[in-house]
Amino acid sequence: MTPFVLLAVFAHPDDEAFGTGGTLARYAAEGCEVYLVTATRGEAGEIARPGLATPANLPAVREQELRCACRNYGIHPPIFLDYVDGQLPIVHQGQAVGKLVRIIRELRPQVMITFGPEGIYGHYDHLAVHRWATAAHELAADPDCFPDCAPCQPHLVSKLYHRVLHEDSLQARSDSGQRAAVLMDGVPFPFVGYPSSQISAVLDISPFVEQKRQGILCHATQVGEASRYANAPEEIFADHWFSHETFHLAYSSVGWPVGQEDDLFARLR
């Protein structure tokens, strides 16, 4: 029997870690073929631990960090689109979509995960990847074969999910004194939360929280030595929003859930 295939598409190394690391590990453990496409090598990221990298070698270091994370999740090595961090809105958009169309047709996933239209907190690279993945999802099934290539083997991805945050998780952050925003160029960009009515799937990834935590820690240049993920694992494991990952179903060719799903492959098995 051909295994199920899950394809996740994100912008930077570590984008996969916090909201989908447990999901990737879960489906790999179930025997699914799990692939991760990452548009950049995170060249514009800060270096939280200066001894680990320099601006000159940061892309190579962050690539190895992502490879480390993928090994922890038990998934295939990452696929890079080879774009530069921070420049995704200004690259040739048709070429970027074309790269994803070819990957979809080659891997033939039943399920895709990417950013929602808000990009978690409005990061312009996240927004670009959302648009690319949405367009590629549609065009990969186009029998007229965008982009022109031979042989043409169109493929319809049965379910397209957006990785999203539950609004209650943002309230929990605020209650614990954490800022529900990310600083970009010194300006806070707030996280966007979804109400329960827009959350299509909630996955309990409790058996995989340690793999998820280790995947996060692989991104050492971004996490830093003082991270709660390194220093307070018991507190992390008790956090409901760490052990549950939330998704919005944006497209389905196999029907729509009544209530919330606990399996991204629901109605495909």
C-alpha atoms as a PDB file:
ATOM      1  CA  MET A   1       0.000   0.000   0.000  1.00  0.00           C
ATOM      2  CA  THR A   2       1.359   3.414  -0.987  1.00  0.00           C
ATOM      3  CA  PRO A   3       2.005   5.499   2.154  1.00  0.00           C
ATOM      4  CA  PHE A   4       0.297   8.798   2.720  1.00  0.00           C
ATOM      5  CA  VAL A   5       2.348  11.883   1.873  1.00  0.00           C
ATOM      6  CA  LEU A   6       2.350  15.123   3.861  1.00  0.00           C
ATOM      7  CA  LEU A   7       4.021  18.262   2.469  1.00  0.00           C
ATOM      8  CA  ALA A   8       4.683  21.342   4.613  1.00  0.00           C
ATOM      9  CA  VAL A   9       5.741  24.620   2.971  1.00  0.00           C
ATOM     10  CA  PHE A  10       7.296  27.437   5.010  1.00  0.00           C
ATOM     11  CA  ALA A  11       9.633  30.401   4.570  1.00  0.00           C
ATOM     12  CA  HIS A  12      12.515  30.017   7.029  1.00  0.00           C
ATOM     13  CA  PRO A  13      14.319  27.400   9.095  1.00  0.00           C
ATOM     14  CA  ASP A  14      12.416  27.210  12.444  1.00  0.00           C
ATOM     15  CA  ASP A  15       9.034  28.172  10.898  1.00  0.00           C
ATOM     16  CA  GLU A  16       8.099  24.507  11.095  1.00  0.00           C
ATOM     17  CA  ALA A  17       9.213  24.004  14.674  1.00  0.00           C
ATOM     18  CA  PHE A  18       6.815  25.768  17.005  1.00  0.00           C
ATOM     19  CA  GLY A  19       3.440  25.088  15.408  1.00  0.00           C
ATOM     20  CA  THR A  20       3.940  21.913  13.378  1.00  0.00           C
ATOM     21  CA  GLY A  21       6.969  20.093  14.800  1.00  0.00           C
ATOM     22  CA  GLY A  22       4.781  17.641  16.699  1.00  0.00           C
ATOM     23  CA  THR A  23       2.512  17.122  13.708  1.00  0.00           C
ATOM     24  CA  LEU A  24       5.448  16.313  11.425  1.00  0.00           C
ATOM     25  CA  ALA A  25       6.838  13.879  14.011  1.00  0.00           C
ATOM     26  CA  ARG A  26       3.436  12.229  14.528  1.00  0.00           C
ATOM     27  CA  TYR A  27       2.830  11.467  10.882  1.00  0.00           C
ATOM     28  CA  ALA A  28       6.390  10.298  10.318  1.00  0.00           C
ATOM     29  CA  ALA A  29       5.933   7.894  13.231  1.00  0.00           C
ATOM     30  CA  GLU A  30       2.721   6.640  11.610  1.00  0.00           C
ATOM     31  CA  GLY A  31       4.650   5.720   8.467  1.00  0.00           C
ATOM     32  CA  CYS A  32       3.703   8.698   6.311  1.00  0.00           C
ATOM     33  CA  GLU A  33       6.221  10.199   3.932  1.00  0.00           C
ATOM     34  CA  VAL A  34       6.702  13.695   5.391  1.00  0.00           C
ATOM     35  CA  TYR A  35       8.466  16.434   3.433  1.00  0.00           C
ATOM     36  CA  LEU A  36       9.342  20.018   4.342  1.00  0.00           C
ATOM     37  CA  VAL A  37       9.922  22.759   1.768  1.00  0.00           C
ATOM     38  CA  THR A  38      11.684  25.863   3.068  1.00  0.00           C
ATOM     39  CA  ALA A  39      12.023  28.914   0.850  1.00  0.00           C
ATOM     40  CA  THR A  40      15.192  30.409   2.386  1.00  0.00           C
ATOM     41  CA  ARG A  41      18.099  29.557   4.670  1.00  0.00           C
ATOM     42  CA  GLY A  42      17.230  32.299   7.157  1.00  0.00           C
ATOM     43  CA  GLU A  43      20.080  34.597   6.171  1.00  0.00           C
ATOM     44  CA  ALA A  44      18.460  37.630   7.809  1.00  0.00           C
ATOM     45  CA  GLY A  45      17.912  35.982  11.191  1.00  0.00           C
ATOM     46  CA  GLU A  46      19.463  37.280  14.363  1.00  0.00           C
ATOM     47  CA  ILE A  47      22.235  35.299  16.030  1.00  0.00           C
ATOM     48  CA  ALA A  48      21.060  34.678  19.580  1.00  0.00           C
ATOM     49  CA  ARG A  49      24.289  32.831  20.447  1.00  0.00           C
ATOM     50  CA  PRO A  50      27.167  34.687  18.731  1.00  0.00           C
ATOM     51  CA  GLY A  51      29.615  31.823  19.132  1.00  0.00           C
ATOM     52  CA  LEU A  52      27.544  29.589  16.876  1.00  0.00           C
ATOM     53  CA  ALA A  53      27.619  31.633  13.678  1.00  0.00           C
ATOM     54  CA  THR A  54      28.685  34.819  11.969  1.00  0.00           C
ATOM     55  CA  PRO A  55      26.689  36.839   9.439  1.00  0.00           C
ATOM     56  CA  ALA A  56      28.913  35.344   6.742  1.00  0.00           C
ATOM     57  CA  ASN A  57      28.181  31.699   7.533  1.00  0.00           C
ATOM     58  CA  LEU A  58      24.684  32.026   9.016  1.00  0.00           C
ATOM     59  CA  PRO A  59      22.921  30.537   5.944  1.00  0.00           C
ATOM     60  CA  ALA A  60      25.053  27.382   6.119  1.00  0.00           C
ATOM     61  CA  VAL A  61      24.623  27.116   9.890  1.00  0.00           C
ATOM     62  CA  ARG A  62      20.866  27.533   9.731  1.00  0.00           C
ATOM     63  CA  GLU A  63      20.644  24.928   6.971  1.00  0.00           C
ATOM     64  CA  GLN A  64      22.365  22.436   9.254  1.00  0.00           C
ATOM     65  CA  GLU A  65      20.061  23.444  12.125  1.00  0.00           C
ATOM     66  CA  LEU A  66      17.044  22.649   9.962  1.00  0.00           C
ATOM     67  CA  ARG A  67      18.541  19.334   8.916  1.00  0.00           C
ATOM     68  CA  CYS A  68      19.024  18.567  12.619  1.00  0.00           C
ATOM     69  CA  ALA A  69      15.368  19.402  13.303  1.00  0.00           C
ATOM     70  CA  CYS A  70      14.160  17.190  10.460  1.00  0.00           C
ATOM     71  CA  ARG A  71      16.176  14.283  11.840  1.00  0.00           C
ATOM     72  CA  ASN A  72      14.519  14.829  15.225  1.00  0.00           C
ATOM     73  CA  TYR A  73      11.065  14.793  13.657  1.00  0.00           C
ATOM     74  CA  GLY A  74      11.965  11.669  11.686  1.00  0.00           C
ATOM     75  CA  ILE A  75      11.084  13.259   8.332  1.00  0.00           C
ATOM     76  CA  HIS A  76      12.892  13.586   5.007  1.00  0.00           C
ATOM     77  CA  PRO A  77      15.721  16.145   4.719  1.00  0.00           C
ATOM     78  CA  PRO A  78      14.485  19.654   3.904  1.00  0.00           C
ATOM     79  CA  ILE A  79      13.941  20.837   0.351  1.00  0.00           C
ATOM     80  CA  PHE A  80      15.203  24.408  -0.202  1.00  0.00           C
ATOM     81  CA  LEU A  81      13.821  26.769  -2.827  1.00  0.00           C
ATOM     82  CA  ASP A  82      17.111  28.733  -2.601  1.00  0.00           C
ATOM     83  CA  TYR A  83      15.668  32.214  -2.125  1.00  0.00           C
ATOM     84  CA  VAL A  84      17.143  34.899   0.139  1.00  0.00           C
ATOM     85  CA  ASP A  85      15.570  35.647   3.505  1.00  0.00           C
ATOM     86  CA  GLY A  86      13.597  38.899   3.412  1.00  0.00           C
ATOM     87  CA  GLN A  87      13.322  39.081  -0.361  1.00  0.00           C
ATOM     88  CA  LEU A  88      10.425  36.730  -1.101  1.00  0.00           C
ATOM     89  CA  PRO A  89       7.905  39.452  -2.018  1.00  0.00           C
ATOM     90  CA  ILE A  90      10.225  40.808  -4.730  1.00  0.00           C
ATOM     91  CA  VAL A  91      11.417  37.628  -6.441  1.00  0.00           C
ATOM     92  CA  HIS A  92       9.798  36.410  -9.646  1.00  0.00           C
ATOM     93  CA  GLN A  93       6.492  35.128  -8.294  1.00  0.00           C
ATOM     94  CA  GLY A  94       5.686  32.892 -11.261  1.00  0.00           C
ATOM     95  CA  GLN A  95       9.030  31.128 -10.996  1.00  0.00           C
ATOM     96  CA  ALA A  96       8.532  30.566  -7.265  1.00  0.00           C
ATOM     97  CA  VAL A  97       5.079  29.090  -7.827  1.00  0.00           C
ATOM     98  CA  GLY A  98       6.479  26.969 -10.646  1.00  0.00           C
ATOM     99  CA  LYS A  99       9.066  25.459  -8.301  1.00  0.00           C
ATOM    100  CA  LEU A 100       6.335  24.431  -5.877  1.00  0.00           C
ATOM    101  CA  VAL A 101       4.126  23.052  -8.663  1.00  0.00           C
ATOM    102  CA  ARG A 102       6.945  20.767  -9.772  1.00  0.00           C
ATOM    103  CA  ILE A 103       7.571  19.613  -6.174  1.00  0.00           C
ATOM    104  CA  ILE A 104       3.875  18.857  -5.641  1.00  0.00           C
ATOM    105  CA  ARG A 105       3.694  16.857  -8.861  1.00  0.00           C
ATOM    106  CA  GLU A 106       6.821  14.917  -7.960  1.00  0.00           C
ATOM    107  CA  LEU A 107       5.907  14.118  -4.327  1.00  0.00           C
ATOM    108  CA  ARG A 108       2.117  13.841  -4.884  1.00  0.00           C
ATOM    109  CA  PRO A 109       0.967  14.640  -1.337  1.00  0.00           C
ATOM    110  CA  GLN A 110      -2.594  14.118  -0.175  1.00  0.00           C
ATOM    111  CA  VAL A 111      -2.198  16.859   2.460  1.00  0.00           C
ATOM    112  CA  MET A 112      -0.359  20.195   2.426  1.00  0.00           C
ATOM    113  CA  ILE A 113       0.332  22.604   5.298  1.00  0.00           C
ATOM    114  CA  THR A 114       1.391  26.220   4.913  1.00  0.00           C
ATOM    115  CA  PHE A 115       0.822  29.668   6.435  1.00  0.00           C
ATOM    116  CA  GLY A 116      -2.606  31.261   6.546  1.00  0.00           C
ATOM    117  CA  PRO A 117      -3.236  34.600   4.822  1.00  0.00           C
ATOM    118  CA  GLU A 118      -2.074  36.510   7.920  1.00  0.00           C
ATOM    119  CA  GLY A 119       1.287  34.690   7.983  1.00  0.00           C
ATOM    120  CA  ILE A 120       1.004  34.125  11.778  1.00  0.00           C
ATOM    121  CA  TYR A 121       2.126  37.697  12.481  1.00  0.00           C
ATOM    122  CA  GLY A 122       2.284  39.406   9.114  1.00  0.00           C
ATOM    123  CA  HIS A 123       5.890  38.623   8.169  1.00  0.00           C
ATOM    124  CA  TYR A 124       6.163  39.543   4.487  1.00  0.00           C
ATOM    125  CA  ASP A 125       8.056  36.334   3.650  1.00  0.00           C
ATOM    126  CA  HIS A 126       5.296  34.308   5.312  1.00  0.00           C
ATOM    127  CA  LEU A 127       2.674  36.164   3.299  1.00  0.00           C
ATOM    128  CA  ALA A 128       4.546  35.461   0.075  1.00  0.00           C
ATOM    129  CA  VAL A 129       4.836  31.735   0.841  1.00  0.00           C
ATOM    130  CA  HIS A 130       1.119  31.596   1.644  1.00  0.00           C
ATOM    131  CA  ARG A 131       0.359  33.012  -1.808  1.00  0.00           C
ATOM    132  CA  TRP A 132       2.829  30.720  -3.559  1.00  0.00           C
ATOM    133  CA  ALA A 133       1.535  27.578  -1.853  1.00  0.00           C
ATOM    134  CA  THR A 134      -2.096  28.524  -2.478  1.00  0.00           C
ATOM    135  CA  ALA A 135      -1.468  29.144  -6.168  1.00  0.00           C
ATOM    136  CA  ALA A 136       0.710  26.043  -6.541  1.00  0.00           C
ATOM    137  CA  HIS A 137      -1.946  23.888  -4.876  1.00  0.00           C
ATOM    138  CA  GLU A 138      -4.422  24.937  -7.568  1.00  0.00           C
ATOM    139  CA  LEU A 139      -2.073  24.933 -10.527  1.00  0.00           C
ATOM    140  CA  ALA A 140      -0.472  21.569  -9.769  1.00  0.00           C
ATOM    141  CA  ALA A 141      -3.823  20.008 -10.711  1.00  0.00           C
ATOM    142  CA  ASP A 142      -4.086  22.017 -13.944  1.00  0.00           C
ATOM    143  CA  PRO A 143      -4.201  19.639 -16.931  1.00  0.00           C
ATOM    144  CA  ASP A 144      -2.871  22.471 -19.100  1.00  0.00           C
ATOM    145  CA  CYS A 145       0.329  21.961 -17.116  1.00  0.00           C
ATOM    146  CA  PHE A 146       1.542  25.184 -15.560  1.00  0.00           C
ATOM    147  CA  PRO A 147       4.454  25.644 -15.852  1.00  0.00           C
ATOM    148  CA  ASP A 148       5.170  24.013 -19.199  1.00  0.00           C
ATOM    149  CA  CYS A 149       7.111  20.844 -18.564  1.00  0.00           C
ATOM    150  CA  ALA A 150       7.212  17.299 -19.862  1.00  0.00           C
ATOM    151  CA  PRO A 151       5.941  14.865 -18.935  1.00  0.00           C
ATOM    152  CA  CYS A 152       2.903  16.568 -17.436  1.00  0.00           C
ATOM    153  CA  GLN A 153       1.462  14.649 -14.484  1.00  0.00           C
ATOM    154  CA  PRO A 154      -1.103  16.909 -12.780  1.00  0.00           C
ATOM    155  CA  HIS A 155      -1.819  16.202  -9.134  1.00  0.00           C
ATOM    156  CA  LEU A 156      -4.672  17.353  -6.906  1.00  0.00           C
ATOM    157  CA  VAL A 157      -3.744  17.754  -3.232  1.00  0.00           C
ATOM    158  CA  SER A 158      -6.859  16.572  -1.409  1.00  0.00           C
ATOM    159  CA  LYS A 159      -6.565  18.844   1.636  1.00  0.00           C
ATOM    160  CA  LEU A 160      -4.801  22.176   2.163  1.00  0.00           C
ATOM    161  CA  TYR A 161      -4.371  23.305   5.763  1.00  0.00           C
ATOM    162  CA  HIS A 162      -3.189  26.609   7.196  1.00  0.00           C
ATOM    163  CA  ARG A 163      -1.081  26.468  10.317  1.00  0.00           C
ATOM    164  CA  VAL A 164      -2.818  28.934  12.660  1.00  0.00           C
ATOM    165  CA  LEU A 165      -2.834  30.046  16.282  1.00  0.00           C
ATOM    166  CA  HIS A 166      -5.856  29.659  18.528  1.00  0.00           C
ATOM    167  CA  GLU A 167      -6.837  32.974  20.091  1.00  0.00           C
ATOM    168  CA  ASP A 168      -6.863  31.294  23.512  1.00  0.00           C
ATOM    169  CA  SER A 169      -3.162  30.502  23.125  1.00  0.00           C
ATOM    170  CA  LEU A 170      -2.442  34.207  22.686  1.00  0.00           C
ATOM    171  CA  GLN A 171      -4.406  34.994  25.832  1.00  0.00           C
ATOM    172  CA  ALA A 172      -2.384  32.355  27.661  1.00  0.00           C
ATOM    173  CA  ARG A 173       0.786  34.085  26.495  1.00  0.00           C
ATOM    174  CA  SER A 174      -0.442  37.419  27.799  1.00  0.00           C
ATOM    175  CA  ASP A 175      -1.511  35.868  31.109  1.00  0.00           C
ATOM    176  CA  SER A 176       1.981  34.418  31.567  1.00  0.00           C
ATOM    177  CA  GLY A 177       3.637  37.755  30.852  1.00  0.00           C
ATOM    178  CA  GLN A 178       4.836  36.928  27.349  1.00  0.00           C
ATOM    179  CA  ARG A 179       4.371  39.444  24.568  1.00  0.00           C
ATOM    180  CA  ALA A 180       1.996  38.164  21.886  1.00  0.00           C
ATOM    181  CA  ALA A 181       4.035  39.772  19.125  1.00  0.00           C
ATOM    182  CA  VAL A 182       7.317  39.458  17.248  1.00  0.00           C
ATOM    183  CA  LEU A 183       9.743  42.350  16.918  1.00  0.00           C
ATOM    184  CA  MET A 184      10.742  43.117  13.343  1.00  0.00           C
ATOM    185  CA  ASP A 185      13.065  46.057  12.773  1.00  0.00           C
ATOM    186  CA  GLY A 186      12.207  47.241  16.270  1.00  0.00           C
ATOM    187  CA  VAL A 187       8.457  47.223  15.659  1.00  0.00           C
ATOM    188  CA  PRO A 188       6.097  44.702  17.342  1.00  0.00           C
ATOM    189  CA  PHE A 189       4.041  42.675  14.872  1.00  0.00           C
ATOM    190  CA  PRO A 190       1.185  41.030  16.830  1.00  0.00           C
ATOM    191  CA  PHE A 191       0.286  37.385  16.400  1.00  0.00           C
ATOM    192  CA  VAL A 192      -3.108  36.742  14.824  1.00  0.00           C
ATOM    193  CA  GLY A 193      -5.383  34.314  16.642  1.00  0.00           C
ATOM    194  CA  TYR A 194      -8.323  32.308  15.298  1.00  0.00           C
ATOM    195  CA  PRO A 195     -11.536  31.596  17.236  1.00  0.00           C
ATOM    196  CA  SER A 196     -12.600  27.997  17.821  1.00  0.00           C
ATOM    197  CA  SER A 197     -15.208  28.289  15.078  1.00  0.00           C
ATOM    198  CA  GLN A 198     -12.399  28.687  12.507  1.00  0.00           C
ATOM    199  CA  ILE A 199     -10.138  25.948  13.879  1.00  0.00           C
ATOM    200  CA  SER A 200     -10.744  22.877  11.725  1.00  0.00           C
ATOM    201  CA  ALA A 201      -8.271  20.503  13.346  1.00  0.00           C
ATOM    202  CA  VAL A 202      -6.633  20.218  16.751  1.00  0.00           C
ATOM    203  CA  LEU A 203      -3.916  17.581  16.983  1.00  0.00           C
ATOM    204  CA  ASP A 204      -2.856  16.252  20.367  1.00  0.00           C
ATOM    205  CA  ILE A 205       0.855  15.662  19.860  1.00  0.00           C
ATOM    206  CA  SER A 206       1.608  14.828  23.523  1.00  0.00           C
ATOM    207  CA  PRO A 207       3.589  11.670  22.639  1.00  0.00           C
ATOM    208  CA  PHE A 208       5.879  13.804  20.470  1.00  0.00           C
ATOM    209  CA  VAL A 209       6.485  16.858  22.662  1.00  0.00           C
ATOM    210  CA  GLU A 210      10.087  15.886  23.358  1.00  0.00           C
ATOM    211  CA  GLN A 211      10.799  15.460  19.644  1.00  0.00           C
ATOM    212  CA  LYS A 212       9.168  18.841  19.072  1.00  0.00           C
ATOM    213  CA  ARG A 213      11.247  20.447  21.840  1.00  0.00           C
ATOM    214  CA  GLN A 214      14.451  18.950  20.503  1.00  0.00           C
ATOM    215  CA  GLY A 215      13.537  20.161  17.017  1.00  0.00           C
ATOM    216  CA  ILE A 216      13.153  23.686  18.392  1.00  0.00           C
ATOM    217  CA  LEU A 217      16.502  23.423  20.183  1.00  0.00           C
ATOM    218  CA  CYS A 218      18.177  22.434  16.913  1.00  0.00           C
ATOM    219  CA  HIS A 219      17.564  26.040  15.830  1.00  0.00           C
ATOM    220  CA  ALA A 220      20.165  27.161  18.353  1.00  0.00           C
ATOM    221  CA  THR A 221      21.166  30.412  16.634  1.00  0.00           C
ATOM    222  CA  GLN A 222      17.557  31.590  16.935  1.00  0.00           C
ATOM    223  CA  VAL A 223      16.506  30.108  20.278  1.00  0.00           C
ATOM    224  CA  GLY A 224      19.435  31.158  22.454  1.00  0.00           C
ATOM    225  CA  GLU A 225      20.769  29.759  25.721  1.00  0.00           C
ATOM    226  CA  ALA A 226      18.124  31.369  27.962  1.00  0.00           C
ATOM    227  CA  SER A 227      15.212  29.784  26.110  1.00  0.00           C
ATOM    228  CA  ARG A 228      12.367  28.309  28.137  1.00  0.00           C
ATOM    229  CA  TYR A 229      12.529  25.364  25.748  1.00  0.00           C
ATOM    230  CA  ALA A 230      16.014  24.557  27.028  1.00  0.00           C
ATOM    231  CA  ASN A 231      15.571  25.385  30.692  1.00  0.00           C
ATOM    232  CA  ALA A 232      11.999  24.506  31.654  1.00  0.00           C
ATOM    233  CA  PRO A 233      10.938  21.300  29.875  1.00  0.00           C
ATOM    234  CA  GLU A 234       8.435  20.310  32.606  1.00  0.00           C
ATOM    235  CA  GLU A 235       6.711  23.674  32.283  1.00  0.00           C
ATOM    236  CA  ILE A 236       6.699  23.329  28.503  1.00  0.00           C
ATOM    237  CA  PHE A 237       5.228  19.837  28.583  1.00  0.00           C
ATOM    238  CA  ALA A 238       2.410  21.023  30.855  1.00  0.00           C
ATOM    239  CA  ASP A 239       1.483  23.769  28.397  1.00  0.00           C
ATOM    240  CA  HIS A 240      -1.690  22.740  26.543  1.00  0.00           C
ATOM    241  CA  TRP A 241      -0.783  24.908  23.567  1.00  0.00           C
ATOM    242  CA  PHE A 242       2.626  23.259  23.239  1.00  0.00           C
ATOM    243  CA  SER A 243       1.120  19.765  23.163  1.00  0.00           C
ATOM    244  CA  HIS A 244      -1.709  20.694  20.772  1.00  0.00           C
ATOM    245  CA  GLU A 245      -1.279  22.075  17.245  1.00  0.00           C
ATOM    246  CA  THR A 246      -4.063  23.872  15.427  1.00  0.00           C
ATOM    247  CA  PHE A 247      -5.022  24.156  11.768  1.00  0.00           C
ATOM    248  CA  HIS A 248      -7.610  25.757   9.512  1.00  0.00           C
ATOM    249  CA  LEU A 249      -8.810  23.682   6.545  1.00  0.00           C
ATOM    250  CA  ALA A 250      -8.677  25.950   3.491  1.00  0.00           C
ATOM    251  CA  TYR A 251      -9.467  23.390   0.771  1.00  0.00           C
ATOM    252  CA  SER A 252     -10.878  19.881   0.701  1.00  0.00           C
ATOM    253  CA  SER A 253     -11.841  17.611  -2.166  1.00  0.00           C
ATOM    254  CA  VAL A 254     -13.121  14.968   0.280  1.00  0.00           C
ATOM    255  CA  GLY A 255     -15.745  16.907   2.208  1.00  0.00           C
ATOM    256  CA  TRP A 256     -15.673  19.192   5.220  1.00  0.00           C
ATOM    257  CA  PRO A 257     -15.531  18.211   8.885  1.00  0.00           C
ATOM    258  CA  VAL A 258     -18.432  18.424  11.274  1.00  0.00           C
ATOM    259  CA  GLY A 259     -16.716  19.837  14.311  1.00  0.00           C
ATOM    260  CA  GLN A 260     -12.960  19.706  14.780  1.00  0.00           C
ATOM    261  CA  GLU A 261     -10.813  16.931  13.344  1.00  0.00           C
ATOM    262  CA  ASP A 262      -8.002  15.225  15.217  1.00  0.00           C
ATOM    263  CA  ASP A 263      -6.372  13.843  12.071  1.00  0.00           C
ATOM    264  CA  LEU A 264      -5.245  15.777   8.982  1.00  0.00           C
ATOM    265  CA  PHE A 265      -5.849  12.628   6.920  1.00  0.00           C
ATOM    266  CA  ALA A 266      -9.454  12.288   8.079  1.00  0.00           C
ATOM    267  CA  ARG A 267     -11.704  11.018   5.254  1.00  0.00           C
ATOM    268  CA  LEU A 268      -8.619   9.940   3.295  1.00  0.00           C
ATOM    269  CA  ARG A 269      -7.826   6.746   5.222  1.00  0.00           C
END
